[in-house]
Structures are given as C-alpha cells and as structure tokens.
Amino acid sequence: MKTKHSPFLEMVRGEIRLRGYSIRTEKSYLFWTRQFILFHQKRHPAEMGKEEVKAFLTWLAVARNVAVNTQKVALNALVFLYAKVLQQELGDLGFTLAVKQRHLPVVLTPDEVVRILAQLEGRNRLIFELLYASGLRITECMRLRVQDVDFTHHSICVRDAKGNKDRQTLLGKSLVPALREAIEHALEIQREDNKRGIGPSFPHLLGVKFPNAFRSAAWMFLFPSASLTKNLVTQELCRHHLHDSVARKALQQAVVASGIDKKRVTCHSFRHSFATHLLQAGCDIRNVQELLGHNDVKTTQIYTHVLGEHFSGVSSPLDRLTMLGFSK
C-alpha cells in the first residue's frame, strides 16, 4: 500500500522517479527528508539551508550514533533535496563524516559451505548455491529474471546492480538442472497469472511502454513471490520477486542446524567466500574484481587480507627462533 505523504514530499517523489532512481532509493530519500523536516519542527526545507543540514547530520552522528553508511545515505538524500528539488546548492557543509572502520569479511571454509547447504533444500538451497557459485548479493539474486540466465555461455547477467551498473558473472554448470526446474516453476506461475491479466512487476514505467511484456517469459522472476502486490508506481496488481527476508530466515535456521555458531554468517558471507575461494584457487584478482562488480581493485584486495597474502613471504619471529633451535 502506498504511503500518503504531504504535497511537498510527493513533489520530491516525483523528482526521484523522473530520474529513474530505484524504489529502494526512493523510500530511503523520502524517509530522510521527512526526518530532516521533523527534526527542525516541521519547518519547510526552502526556509532552511546548509546550517540546518549540518545540524541534522551532526545530531545523527552524535546523539543517534548512526553508522557511517547511514550518515552517507542521509547526506545524499539532503543533497538531492536541495540540488534537484529546490535548485539550491548547499556548498561546503564543513561536515566530516565519521571514518568507517575496516572490518575483515566473514568467510566460510568450503566445508562450512557444504554443511550449511546440506541443511537447505529446494528453492532456498538454490538461492544460496547461486550466491556462492556466482558471487551475487542477495538482492541481485532475488531480482534475477529468466532472461538473465545464459545456459549456452554459462553466465548470469546482473542488471542495475550497485552503482546502477550491469555485469556478467559465472553460472555454475552444476546448477543448470535446478535452474531449469526453477524457471519452469516460475513460468507456470506466470501462465496462471496471465490468465487474470497479471504479470511480473517491471522497473520504472517499462510495463507502460511495453503493455504486453508481462506475458513474455523473459521478464518473469526466477524466484517469484507467493503473493500478489500493487506496483508502487502504476498501482497495478502484479507479482514481485521473493523478499530477501525469506532467504535470510532460511539461512539463520540452516546455520544453527549446521552447528556453525562461531561465525556471524550472513547472506553476504557467500559472496565473500566466492571471492576468497577464487583467489585461493589462483584466479587473477582483476577477474575477481570484474565478477564482483567492484569499481576499484582496492575493494577486492580486502580478500587478500583474509588470505594473509598482503604479508606474503613474511614469517613470524617466533618461527625464526624455532628455526634457530629454540624449543619450548
């Protein structure tokens, strides 16, 4: 159901959609715009400027102690509000975001991957096999459509990924039978939906531009939702993809059942494991960078820290003592 906003927030929504931003970004920007207005006792943003923006961001950092990424999203929302909606440049805010502390990613061993997958079955197992086989983010996996799977070249096309980029990644050959079965199941759902004039949801207004596309098998989601919903843009009844919370819940149960409780295992751990295990197998870091869709190889290099390769050739001083004849 569409949330009702003030005329001003509806205007902001219109500017966001005009530029083709994702629904997730739309929700986020509207949320932070509303929080900004409420923080300043419902003053209109046109009556405020960079000092009020700085005060709000400072409050988030000091009083709310929000994460660095949350600060960045709030800042991006307000920069969009002033630059694109109000046509007012904020200039230098004199505000420095907190420095994000680097954390090494949680990586599963091959044995741990096997143990977790053994606790999953059917659709849920296929989802996590895809995350590990192709290095997908969970949202990327949920948004996969039939046309994104190339059985001929054993590749997967990830569309409109982080940074609004498309990329190609690997398709594990062992997953072909399960994927074909999943596609047939999805298409059967589509055929039943089509009888009622319903089809999969489309990005932006693509369904308006191509009114019969909902009947095309290419546009059907690999993992369709069990229920129908209204398209947030057109308000037409459609079938969206499976929500990622379903997969997260299944993973949580599988991790507990597998006895792997000493690691904080998330959906993203399978993407981390994909990259790390490729590097361990001798894959060039530039290839891994491309498969993951990283802009900068420095982002991919975090996995060399997981492997310990950033200090390759350096031995512990205690080991040197042992070589010299020292013993306990």
Protein backbone atom coordinates (compact mmCIF):
# COMPACT_ATOMS: atom_id res chain seq x y z
CA MET A 1 0.00 0.00 0.00
CA LYS A 2 1.33 3.43 -0.96
CA THR A 3 2.22 5.65 1.98
CA LYS A 4 0.49 9.02 1.91
CA HIS A 5 2.87 11.99 2.08
CA SER A 6 2.49 15.75 2.13
CA PRO A 7 2.29 17.59 -1.21
CA PHE A 8 5.92 18.61 -0.78
CA LEU A 9 7.12 15.02 -0.24
CA GLU A 10 5.03 13.93 -3.21
CA MET A 11 6.89 16.53 -5.25
CA VAL A 12 10.19 15.06 -4.02
CA ARG A 13 8.92 11.60 -5.00
CA GLY A 14 8.14 12.90 -8.47
CA GLU A 15 11.67 14.28 -8.91
CA ILE A 16 13.14 10.97 -7.79
CA ARG A 17 11.05 8.99 -10.27
CA LEU A 18 11.78 11.47 -13.05
CA ARG A 19 15.44 10.50 -12.73
CA GLY A 20 14.74 6.76 -12.70
CA TYR A 21 16.01 6.02 -9.20
CA SER A 22 15.16 2.65 -7.68
CA ILE A 23 12.18 2.17 -5.37
CA ARG A 24 14.60 1.40 -2.54
CA THR A 25 16.38 4.73 -3.07
CA GLU A 26 13.03 6.50 -3.28
CA LYS A 27 11.92 5.11 0.07
CA SER A 28 15.27 5.98 1.66
CA TYR A 29 15.36 9.57 0.35
CA LEU A 30 11.76 10.24 1.38
CA PHE A 31 12.44 8.82 4.84
CA TRP A 32 15.47 11.05 5.46
CA THR A 33 13.77 14.10 4.00
CA ARG A 34 10.87 13.58 6.39
CA GLN A 35 13.24 13.02 9.35
CA PHE A 36 15.07 16.25 8.47
CA ILE A 37 11.80 18.20 8.42
CA LEU A 38 10.62 16.69 11.72
CA PHE A 39 13.98 17.38 13.37
CA HIS A 40 13.53 21.08 12.61
CA GLN A 41 9.97 21.20 13.97
CA LYS A 42 8.33 20.83 10.54
CA ARG A 43 9.94 23.89 9.00
CA HIS A 44 9.83 23.89 5.21
CA PRO A 45 13.21 22.93 3.67
CA ALA A 46 13.05 26.02 1.42
CA GLU A 47 13.30 28.14 4.58
CA MET A 48 16.42 26.29 5.70
CA GLY A 49 19.89 25.67 4.30
CA LYS A 50 23.33 24.25 4.96
CA GLU A 51 23.40 25.19 8.66
CA GLU A 52 20.23 23.19 9.30
CA VAL A 53 21.55 20.29 7.23
CA LYS A 54 24.81 20.32 9.18
CA ALA A 55 22.91 20.42 12.49
CA PHE A 56 20.82 17.41 11.45
CA LEU A 57 23.81 15.36 10.32
CA THR A 58 25.70 16.22 13.50
CA TRP A 59 22.71 15.11 15.57
CA LEU A 60 22.64 11.78 13.70
CA ALA A 61 26.34 11.24 14.36
CA VAL A 62 26.46 12.42 17.99
CA ALA A 63 23.04 11.80 19.50
CA ARG A 64 21.88 8.87 17.40
CA ASN A 65 25.36 7.37 16.87
CA VAL A 66 24.33 6.05 13.44
CA ALA A 67 26.66 4.03 11.22
CA VAL A 68 28.87 5.78 8.66
CA ASN A 69 26.87 4.39 5.75
CA THR A 70 23.66 5.71 7.30
CA GLN A 71 25.24 9.17 7.56
CA LYS A 72 26.16 8.98 3.88
CA VAL A 73 22.64 7.99 2.80
CA ALA A 74 21.11 10.83 4.84
CA LEU A 75 23.60 13.28 3.34
CA ASN A 76 22.90 12.06 -0.21
CA ALA A 77 19.15 12.42 0.38
CA LEU A 78 19.51 16.02 1.55
CA VAL A 79 21.93 16.95 -1.22
CA PHE A 80 19.38 15.60 -3.71
CA LEU A 81 16.59 17.52 -1.97
CA TYR A 82 18.36 20.86 -2.23
CA ALA A 83 20.19 20.45 -5.54
CA LYS A 84 17.50 18.71 -7.61
CA VAL A 85 14.20 19.63 -5.96
CA LEU A 86 14.80 23.10 -4.51
CA GLN A 87 17.50 24.07 -7.03
CA GLN A 88 19.67 25.31 -4.17
CA GLU A 89 23.34 24.34 -3.82
CA LEU A 90 24.38 23.65 -0.25
CA GLY A 91 28.06 24.33 -0.86
CA ASP A 92 30.67 23.22 1.66
CA LEU A 93 28.88 21.99 4.76
CA GLY A 94 32.05 21.87 6.81
CA PHE A 95 30.87 18.46 7.99
CA THR A 96 33.19 15.46 8.06
CA LEU A 97 31.67 12.02 8.01
CA ALA A 98 32.94 9.55 10.57
CA VAL A 99 35.74 7.33 9.30
CA LYS A 100 34.44 3.89 8.53
CA GLN A 101 36.32 1.24 10.45
CA ARG A 102 37.56 -1.53 8.20
CA HIS A 103 36.30 -4.97 9.11
CA LEU A 104 37.56 -8.15 7.53
CA PRO A 105 34.70 -10.01 5.83
CA VAL A 106 33.36 -13.23 7.32
CA VAL A 107 34.44 -16.04 5.01
CA LEU A 108 33.24 -19.63 5.19
CA THR A 109 35.51 -22.58 4.55
CA PRO A 110 34.46 -24.96 1.74
CA ASP A 111 33.47 -27.49 4.41
CA GLU A 112 31.27 -24.91 6.16
CA VAL A 113 29.58 -24.03 2.86
CA VAL A 114 28.79 -27.73 2.33
CA ARG A 115 27.44 -28.10 5.87
CA ILE A 116 25.12 -25.11 5.55
CA LEU A 117 23.86 -26.09 2.09
CA ALA A 118 23.12 -29.58 3.41
CA GLN A 119 20.58 -28.03 5.78
CA LEU A 120 18.74 -26.31 2.93
CA GLU A 121 16.57 -27.76 0.21
CA GLY A 122 14.64 -26.82 -2.90
CA ARG A 123 14.36 -23.11 -3.69
CA ASN A 124 16.28 -21.98 -0.59
CA ARG A 125 19.22 -24.22 -1.36
CA LEU A 126 19.33 -22.99 -4.97
CA ILE A 127 19.39 -19.36 -3.79
CA PHE A 128 22.47 -19.87 -1.63
CA GLU A 129 24.16 -22.06 -4.20
CA LEU A 130 23.77 -19.13 -6.62
CA LEU A 131 25.22 -16.67 -4.11
CA TYR A 132 28.28 -18.88 -3.69
CA ALA A 133 28.61 -20.01 -7.33
CA SER A 134 28.22 -16.53 -8.84
CA GLY A 135 29.22 -14.06 -6.12
CA LEU A 136 25.80 -12.43 -6.07
CA ARG A 137 24.39 -10.10 -3.46
CA ILE A 138 21.10 -11.40 -2.05
CA THR A 139 19.12 -8.55 -3.63
CA GLU A 140 20.76 -9.26 -7.00
CA CYS A 141 19.77 -12.91 -6.74
CA MET A 142 16.16 -12.09 -5.84
CA ARG A 143 15.85 -9.73 -8.84
CA LEU A 144 17.08 -12.28 -11.40
CA ARG A 145 14.71 -12.82 -14.33
CA VAL A 146 14.59 -15.68 -16.84
CA GLN A 147 16.37 -13.58 -19.49
CA ASP A 148 19.34 -13.05 -17.15
CA VAL A 149 20.38 -16.72 -17.22
CA ASP A 150 22.50 -17.78 -20.19
CA PHE A 151 22.77 -21.57 -20.29
CA THR A 152 24.79 -21.52 -23.52
CA HIS A 153 27.67 -19.47 -22.15
CA HIS A 154 27.11 -20.47 -18.51
CA SER A 155 26.81 -16.87 -17.37
CA ILE A 156 24.43 -14.68 -15.41
CA CYS A 157 23.69 -11.05 -16.22
CA VAL A 158 23.25 -8.92 -13.10
CA ARG A 159 21.23 -5.85 -14.08
CA ASP A 160 21.06 -2.49 -12.37
CA ALA A 161 23.38 -3.62 -9.59
CA LYS A 162 25.07 -1.41 -7.02
CA GLY A 163 26.10 1.83 -8.71
CA ASN A 164 23.41 1.31 -11.41
CA LYS A 165 25.72 -0.99 -13.37
CA ASP A 166 25.17 -4.23 -15.28
CA ARG A 167 27.74 -7.02 -15.14
CA GLN A 168 28.30 -10.61 -16.22
CA THR A 169 29.28 -13.29 -13.76
CA LEU A 170 29.70 -17.06 -13.64
CA LEU A 171 26.95 -19.65 -13.75
CA GLY A 172 27.93 -22.89 -12.08
CA LYS A 173 27.37 -25.76 -14.51
CA SER A 174 26.20 -28.00 -11.68
CA LEU A 175 23.26 -25.65 -11.09
CA VAL A 176 21.81 -25.97 -14.61
CA PRO A 177 19.27 -28.75 -13.83
CA ALA A 178 17.98 -26.99 -10.68
CA LEU A 179 17.80 -23.64 -12.50
CA ARG A 180 15.85 -25.14 -15.40
CA GLU A 181 13.39 -26.62 -12.92
CA ALA A 182 13.08 -23.28 -11.07
CA ILE A 183 12.44 -21.47 -14.35
CA GLU A 184 9.73 -23.90 -15.38
CA HIS A 185 8.05 -23.48 -11.99
CA ALA A 186 8.22 -19.68 -12.31
CA LEU A 187 6.78 -19.79 -15.84
CA GLU A 188 3.89 -21.95 -14.68
CA ILE A 189 3.05 -19.26 -12.11
CA GLN A 190 3.32 -16.64 -14.84
CA ARG A 191 0.94 -18.55 -17.12
CA GLU A 192 -1.66 -18.72 -14.36
CA ASP A 193 -1.20 -15.01 -13.61
CA ASN A 194 -1.54 -14.14 -17.29
CA LYS A 195 -4.98 -15.72 -17.39
CA ARG A 196 -6.05 -12.95 -14.98
CA GLY A 197 -4.18 -10.24 -16.86
CA ILE A 198 -1.42 -10.15 -14.25
CA GLY A 199 2.35 -10.48 -14.70
CA PRO A 200 5.67 -9.73 -13.05
CA SER A 201 6.46 -6.24 -11.79
CA PHE A 202 8.60 -4.02 -14.01
CA PRO A 203 11.22 -1.39 -13.26
CA HIS A 204 10.07 2.21 -13.57
CA LEU A 205 7.39 2.57 -16.31
CA LEU A 206 8.63 -0.20 -18.59
CA GLY A 207 5.31 -2.01 -18.28
CA VAL A 208 3.54 1.08 -19.60
CA LYS A 209 5.90 1.39 -22.54
CA PHE A 210 5.52 -2.31 -23.39
CA PRO A 211 1.99 -3.23 -22.23
CA ASN A 212 2.23 -6.87 -23.34
CA ALA A 213 5.66 -7.55 -21.81
CA PHE A 214 4.04 -9.15 -18.75
CA ARG A 215 3.26 -12.17 -20.97
CA SER A 216 6.89 -12.62 -22.03
CA ALA A 217 8.76 -15.44 -20.30
CA ALA A 218 11.95 -13.37 -20.42
CA TRP A 219 10.62 -10.93 -17.80
CA MET A 220 9.49 -13.48 -15.22
CA PHE A 221 11.39 -13.58 -11.93
CA LEU A 222 13.34 -16.74 -11.14
CA PHE A 223 12.10 -16.55 -7.56
CA PRO A 224 8.59 -15.06 -7.64
CA SER A 225 6.77 -14.01 -4.50
CA ALA A 226 4.00 -16.27 -3.24
CA SER A 227 1.56 -13.35 -3.15
CA LEU A 228 0.50 -10.52 -5.42
CA THR A 229 1.10 -6.85 -4.71
CA LYS A 230 0.47 -3.42 -6.21
CA ASN A 231 3.16 -1.79 -8.30
CA LEU A 232 4.32 1.27 -6.32
CA VAL A 233 4.45 3.38 -9.47
CA THR A 234 1.43 2.29 -11.55
CA GLN A 235 -0.68 0.84 -8.68
CA GLU A 236 -1.49 -2.14 -10.90
CA LEU A 237 -1.67 -5.64 -9.43
CA CYS A 238 1.47 -7.67 -10.20
CA ARG A 239 3.79 -10.33 -8.83
CA HIS A 240 7.07 -9.10 -7.37
CA HIS A 241 10.13 -11.22 -6.63
CA LEU A 242 10.61 -13.09 -3.38
CA HIS A 243 11.57 -10.82 -0.48
CA ASP A 244 15.14 -11.33 0.71
CA SER A 245 13.93 -11.75 4.31
CA VAL A 246 12.66 -15.21 3.34
CA ALA A 247 16.18 -16.28 2.37
CA ARG A 248 17.72 -14.65 5.47
CA LYS A 249 15.37 -16.55 7.74
CA ALA A 250 16.15 -19.85 6.00
CA LEU A 251 19.89 -19.18 6.33
CA GLN A 252 19.61 -18.43 10.03
CA GLN A 253 17.93 -21.76 10.64
CA ALA A 254 20.47 -23.62 8.47
CA VAL A 255 23.43 -22.06 10.29
CA VAL A 256 22.04 -23.12 13.67
CA ALA A 257 21.29 -26.63 12.41
CA SER A 258 24.79 -27.00 10.94
CA GLY A 259 26.44 -26.08 14.24
CA ILE A 260 28.44 -23.20 12.78
CA ASP A 261 27.88 -20.77 15.62
CA LYS A 262 31.32 -19.22 15.99
CA LYS A 263 30.94 -17.03 12.92
CA ARG A 264 28.42 -14.29 12.11
CA VAL A 265 27.16 -15.86 8.90
CA THR A 266 25.00 -13.69 6.63
CA CYS A 267 23.87 -13.93 3.01
CA HIS A 268 26.86 -11.75 2.10
CA SER A 269 29.23 -14.34 3.58
CA PHE A 270 28.61 -16.48 0.48
CA ARG A 271 29.71 -13.62 -1.79
CA HIS A 272 32.81 -13.11 0.36
CA SER A 273 33.52 -16.85 0.21
CA PHE A 274 33.11 -16.86 -3.58
CA ALA A 275 35.81 -14.20 -3.95
CA THR A 276 38.18 -15.67 -1.39
CA HIS A 277 37.98 -19.20 -2.73
CA LEU A 278 38.58 -17.99 -6.30
CA LEU A 279 41.73 -16.18 -5.17
CA GLN A 280 42.85 -19.26 -3.24
CA ALA A 281 42.44 -21.28 -6.44
CA GLY A 282 44.78 -18.89 -8.27
CA CYS A 283 42.24 -16.68 -10.06
CA ASP A 284 43.62 -13.28 -11.05
CA ILE A 285 42.40 -10.50 -8.75
CA ARG A 286 41.33 -8.38 -11.75
CA ASN A 287 39.00 -11.16 -12.89
CA VAL A 288 37.54 -11.42 -9.39
CA GLN A 289 37.09 -7.63 -9.35
CA GLU A 290 35.11 -7.82 -12.59
CA LEU A 291 32.96 -10.72 -11.41
CA LEU A 292 32.10 -8.88 -8.20
CA GLY A 293 31.46 -5.60 -9.98
CA HIS A 294 33.91 -3.54 -7.91
CA ASN A 295 34.91 -0.16 -9.36
CA ASP A 296 38.31 -0.21 -7.70
CA VAL A 297 40.62 -3.19 -7.28
CA LYS A 298 41.41 -1.85 -3.78
CA THR A 299 37.94 -3.00 -2.73
CA THR A 300 38.71 -6.51 -3.98
CA GLN A 301 42.09 -6.51 -2.23
CA ILE A 302 40.35 -6.88 1.13
CA TYR A 303 40.18 -10.59 0.32
CA THR A 304 43.98 -10.81 0.15
CA HIS A 305 43.94 -9.72 3.79
CA VAL A 306 41.60 -12.58 4.58
CA LEU A 307 44.09 -14.94 2.91
CA GLY A 308 47.07 -13.30 4.56
CA GLU A 309 48.64 -12.60 1.16
CA HIS A 310 49.23 -8.91 1.93
CA PHE A 311 52.21 -10.04 4.02
CA SER A 312 53.20 -12.89 1.74
CA GLY A 313 56.75 -14.08 2.39
CA VAL A 314 56.87 -12.67 5.92
CA SER A 315 57.24 -15.23 8.68
CA SER A 316 56.53 -14.88 12.37
CA PRO A 317 59.58 -14.02 14.53
CA LEU A 318 58.72 -16.95 16.79
CA ASP A 319 59.06 -19.30 13.82
CA ARG A 320 62.54 -17.89 13.21
CA LEU A 321 63.52 -18.77 16.78
CA THR A 322 62.30 -22.30 16.17
CA MET A 323 64.46 -22.50 13.05
CA LEU A 324 67.44 -21.44 15.16
CA GLY A 325 66.90 -24.36 17.54
CA PHE A 326 64.69 -22.74 20.18
CA SER A 327 62.20 -25.18 21.70
CA LYS A 328 59.62 -24.95 24.44
